Amino acid sequence: MSGDNTAALALISSMATRQILSRLASDYAAQTGQAVAVESVGGVDAARRVSEGEAFDIVVLGSDALAKLEQHGHVDASSRVQMARSGIAAAVAADAQRPSIDTEEALRDAILQSRSIGYSTGPSGVHLEKLFARWGIADTIASKIVQARPGVPVATLIARGEVELGFQQNSELLDQPGIAVLGPLPEQAQAVTVFAAAVCTKSSRVDAAAAFLSFLVSPRTRAVKLAHGMEPA
């Protein structure tokens, strides 16, 4: 089916790529006349909605989450493109003292000394839980953990004073009000998430969706990705 060529393409994504996709969708519409309606929610919710058969043309998620949708036939695996790479960063309130996180040992000490620690349900949160277990501090800090609900930015919890030290994808912390970004995690503790995009099998506008995916990975999008805290994949 070709579908209505005048309608906006429907895209769903996790929150990490919200700002990048919003900007790129606007640029694409200006260049081609093809509108793209971007809906960004918690990654868990985005994957669930696609798996339950909600009609989207495109989905953008972390590679692992997208692979699960591929396995169950919810997206066209042959259409998959790697869009951007993102590391995890840490932040505190804008007026708070700024602990060092330059080394793995300094990061561990900062976590142990913090009154509360926040992270998301997304790939960054999964990585941090594994990191705490590797360090042998998971039980020690369990009572201090505040996990953001899907779709709620960790930056919001930090700015409200609900979390003293927060972690999330760098793109989600960048330029958020009320917080100070300490920087990326040190290399030994870092995890890079590759965000990928694919055409949903429910799409009735496969060619138009594929054309937008080609744009997402074109050199023209590099500057936007870098400006929003990610690197081209």
Protein backbone atom coordinates (compact mmCIF):
# COMPACT_ATOMS: atom_id res chain seq x y z
CA MET A 1 0.00 0.00 0.00
CA SER A 2 1.27 3.45 -0.78
CA GLY A 3 -0.89 5.33 1.72
CA ASP A 4 -1.69 9.05 1.79
CA ASN A 5 1.41 10.83 0.58
CA THR A 6 0.28 14.11 2.13
CA ALA A 7 0.04 12.74 5.67
CA ALA A 8 2.79 13.02 8.24
CA LEU A 9 4.88 9.93 8.88
CA ALA A 10 4.29 8.63 12.40
CA LEU A 11 7.50 8.05 14.36
CA ILE A 12 7.84 6.84 17.94
CA SER A 13 11.08 6.94 19.89
CA SER A 14 12.57 6.79 23.36
CA MET A 15 13.24 10.07 25.16
CA ALA A 16 16.99 9.96 24.54
CA THR A 17 16.62 10.94 20.87
CA ARG A 18 13.67 13.32 21.32
CA GLN A 19 15.50 16.58 20.66
CA ILE A 20 17.55 15.25 17.77
CA LEU A 21 14.55 13.74 16.02
CA SER A 22 12.41 16.83 16.54
CA ARG A 23 15.05 19.02 14.93
CA LEU A 24 15.77 16.59 12.09
CA ALA A 25 12.06 16.09 11.38
CA SER A 26 11.68 19.85 11.07
CA ASP A 27 14.70 20.08 8.75
CA TYR A 28 13.39 17.20 6.63
CA ALA A 29 9.96 18.76 6.27
CA ALA A 30 11.53 22.04 5.19
CA GLN A 31 13.70 20.28 2.59
CA THR A 32 11.21 17.79 1.18
CA GLY A 33 7.71 18.83 2.21
CA GLN A 34 7.24 15.49 3.98
CA ALA A 35 6.12 16.02 7.58
CA VAL A 36 7.21 13.61 10.30
CA ALA A 37 5.23 13.52 13.57
CA VAL A 38 7.63 12.55 16.35
CA GLU A 39 6.29 11.08 19.60
CA SER A 40 8.91 10.45 22.28
CA VAL A 41 8.07 8.39 25.36
CA GLY A 42 9.87 6.04 27.70
CA GLY A 43 11.70 3.39 25.70
CA VAL A 44 9.84 0.57 27.43
CA ASP A 45 6.51 2.15 26.51
CA ALA A 46 7.61 2.82 22.92
CA ALA A 47 8.60 -0.82 22.42
CA ARG A 48 5.39 -2.05 24.04
CA ARG A 49 3.18 0.10 21.84
CA VAL A 50 4.90 -1.07 18.66
CA SER A 51 4.73 -4.72 19.80
CA GLU A 52 1.03 -4.36 20.57
CA GLY A 53 0.37 -3.36 16.97
CA GLU A 54 -0.11 0.39 17.25
CA ALA A 55 0.31 1.88 13.80
CA PHE A 56 3.64 3.69 13.42
CA ASP A 57 5.75 4.12 10.33
CA ILE A 58 9.13 4.35 12.10
CA VAL A 59 10.52 3.42 15.50
CA VAL A 60 13.81 4.67 17.00
CA LEU A 61 15.20 2.84 20.03
CA GLY A 62 18.40 1.52 21.52
CA SER A 63 19.76 -1.30 19.37
CA ASP A 64 18.95 -4.06 21.86
CA ALA A 65 15.32 -2.99 22.19
CA LEU A 66 14.95 -2.66 18.43
CA ALA A 67 16.46 -6.13 17.94
CA LYS A 68 13.69 -7.62 20.12
CA LEU A 69 11.06 -5.97 17.95
CA GLU A 70 12.81 -7.39 14.87
CA GLN A 71 12.79 -10.90 16.36
CA HIS A 72 9.04 -10.76 16.82
CA GLY A 73 8.34 -9.34 13.37
CA HIS A 74 7.22 -5.87 14.44
CA VAL A 75 9.78 -4.04 12.30
CA ASP A 76 11.44 -4.74 8.98
CA ALA A 77 14.96 -5.89 9.86
CA SER A 78 16.23 -5.07 6.38
CA SER A 79 15.31 -1.40 6.88
CA ARG A 80 17.31 -0.98 10.09
CA VAL A 81 19.87 1.85 10.23
CA GLN A 82 22.21 2.90 13.02
CA MET A 83 21.45 6.54 13.72
CA ALA A 84 23.62 7.78 16.59
CA ARG A 85 25.84 6.78 19.50
CA SER A 86 25.45 8.14 23.02
CA GLY A 87 27.40 7.77 26.24
CA ILE A 88 26.20 8.16 29.82
CA ALA A 89 26.81 11.36 31.75
CA ALA A 90 26.33 12.41 35.38
CA ALA A 91 24.78 15.58 36.78
CA VAL A 92 23.97 17.36 40.04
CA ALA A 93 21.83 20.37 40.89
CA ALA A 94 23.13 23.64 39.45
CA ASP A 95 23.96 25.06 42.89
CA ALA A 96 25.40 21.85 44.38
CA GLN A 97 29.00 20.90 44.96
CA ARG A 98 30.42 19.06 41.98
CA PRO A 99 32.18 15.82 42.85
CA SER A 100 34.93 14.45 40.64
CA ILE A 101 33.99 11.54 38.39
CA ASP A 102 37.21 11.60 36.34
CA THR A 103 38.25 8.06 37.30
CA GLU A 104 36.33 4.90 38.09
CA GLU A 105 37.42 5.14 41.73
CA ALA A 106 36.29 8.79 41.97
CA LEU A 107 32.94 7.92 40.41
CA ARG A 108 32.43 5.04 42.86
CA ASP A 109 33.27 7.31 45.80
CA ALA A 110 30.88 10.00 44.56
CA ILE A 111 28.08 7.43 44.35
CA LEU A 112 28.79 6.07 47.83
CA GLN A 113 28.85 9.57 49.31
CA SER A 114 25.65 10.80 47.61
CA ARG A 115 22.42 10.95 49.60
CA SER A 116 20.40 9.77 46.61
CA ILE A 117 21.18 8.39 43.17
CA GLY A 118 18.90 8.61 40.17
CA TYR A 119 18.82 6.83 36.84
CA SER A 120 16.30 5.75 34.22
CA THR A 121 14.70 2.50 33.12
CA GLY A 122 16.53 2.75 29.79
CA PRO A 123 19.91 1.37 28.66
CA SER A 124 21.85 3.73 30.94
CA GLY A 125 19.98 2.49 34.00
CA VAL A 126 20.53 -1.15 33.07
CA HIS A 127 24.26 -0.46 32.70
CA LEU A 128 24.49 1.31 36.05
CA GLU A 129 22.85 -1.59 37.86
CA LYS A 130 25.46 -3.92 36.36
CA LEU A 131 28.20 -1.47 37.32
CA PHE A 132 27.03 -1.29 40.94
CA ALA A 133 26.95 -5.09 41.07
CA ARG A 134 30.47 -5.31 39.62
CA TRP A 135 31.73 -2.89 42.25
CA GLY A 136 29.98 -4.86 45.01
CA ILE A 137 27.97 -1.85 46.23
CA ALA A 138 24.49 -2.70 44.95
CA ASP A 139 23.16 -3.70 48.38
CA THR A 140 24.94 -0.82 50.13
CA ILE A 141 23.27 1.86 47.99
CA ALA A 142 19.93 0.13 47.35
CA SER A 143 18.03 2.40 49.76
CA LYS A 144 19.38 5.51 48.00
CA ILE A 145 18.27 4.59 44.49
CA VAL A 146 15.53 6.65 42.84
CA GLN A 147 14.57 5.22 39.46
CA ALA A 148 12.80 7.68 37.19
CA ARG A 149 9.47 6.54 35.81
CA PRO A 150 9.46 5.89 32.05
CA GLY A 151 9.33 9.22 30.23
CA VAL A 152 10.42 11.27 33.27
CA PRO A 153 13.84 12.87 32.73
CA VAL A 154 16.41 12.27 35.45
CA ALA A 155 17.27 15.97 35.07
CA THR A 156 13.81 16.83 36.40
CA LEU A 157 14.41 14.77 39.54
CA ILE A 158 17.77 16.48 40.08
CA ALA A 159 16.34 19.97 39.58
CA ARG A 160 13.51 19.23 42.04
CA GLY A 161 15.97 18.07 44.67
CA GLU A 162 14.65 14.51 44.63
CA VAL A 163 18.01 13.17 43.47
CA GLU A 164 21.47 14.40 44.46
CA LEU A 165 23.49 12.59 41.78
CA GLY A 166 21.81 11.56 38.55
CA PHE A 167 22.79 9.57 35.48
CA GLN A 168 21.31 9.40 32.00
CA GLN A 169 22.26 9.58 28.34
CA ASN A 170 24.29 12.73 27.75
CA SER A 171 21.72 13.92 25.21
CA GLU A 172 19.01 13.87 27.88
CA LEU A 173 21.01 15.91 30.40
CA LEU A 174 22.44 18.48 28.01
CA ASP A 175 21.06 22.02 28.40
CA GLN A 176 18.41 21.01 30.94
CA PRO A 177 17.46 23.72 33.46
CA GLY A 178 18.46 23.54 37.11
CA ILE A 179 21.31 21.06 36.73
CA ALA A 180 25.06 21.00 36.16
CA VAL A 181 26.45 18.21 33.98
CA LEU A 182 29.63 16.77 35.52
CA GLY A 183 30.64 15.13 32.26
CA PRO A 184 30.72 11.65 30.78
CA LEU A 185 31.50 8.60 32.86
CA PRO A 186 35.17 7.58 32.77
CA GLU A 187 36.09 5.10 30.06
CA GLN A 188 36.33 2.09 32.41
CA ALA A 189 32.76 2.69 33.62
CA GLN A 190 31.22 3.99 30.40
CA ALA A 191 28.71 2.28 28.14
CA VAL A 192 27.82 3.58 24.69
CA THR A 193 24.30 2.99 23.40
CA VAL A 194 23.72 2.84 19.66
CA PHE A 195 20.30 4.19 18.74
CA ALA A 196 18.84 2.58 15.66
CA ALA A 197 15.77 3.14 13.51
CA ALA A 198 13.60 0.87 11.40
CA VAL A 199 10.38 0.82 9.42
CA CYS A 200 7.49 -0.73 11.32
CA THR A 201 5.67 -3.61 9.68
CA LYS A 202 2.38 -1.76 10.32
CA SER A 203 3.51 1.10 8.08
CA SER A 204 1.51 1.68 4.92
CA ARG A 205 4.14 4.11 3.62
CA VAL A 206 7.28 2.01 3.50
CA ASP A 207 9.04 3.99 0.76
CA ALA A 208 8.47 7.35 2.47
CA ALA A 209 9.59 5.93 5.80
CA ALA A 210 12.73 4.44 4.23
CA ALA A 211 13.54 7.79 2.63
CA PHE A 212 13.42 9.48 6.03
CA LEU A 213 15.71 6.79 7.49
CA SER A 214 18.20 7.50 4.69
CA PHE A 215 18.11 11.16 5.69
CA LEU A 216 18.69 10.27 9.39
CA VAL A 217 22.03 8.66 8.58
CA SER A 218 23.17 11.16 5.95
CA PRO A 219 26.15 13.49 6.54
CA ARG A 220 23.72 16.42 6.65
CA THR A 221 22.55 15.32 10.10
CA ARG A 222 25.99 15.17 11.73
CA ALA A 223 26.01 18.70 13.16
CA VAL A 224 22.58 18.28 14.77
CA LYS A 225 23.60 15.03 16.45
CA LEU A 226 26.77 16.55 17.84
CA ALA A 227 24.92 19.63 19.06
CA HIS A 228 22.56 17.43 21.04
CA GLY A 229 25.21 15.32 22.74
CA MET A 230 25.42 12.32 20.40
CA GLU A 231 27.77 11.15 17.67
CA PRO A 232 26.86 9.76 14.26
CA ALA A 233 26.80 5.96 14.41
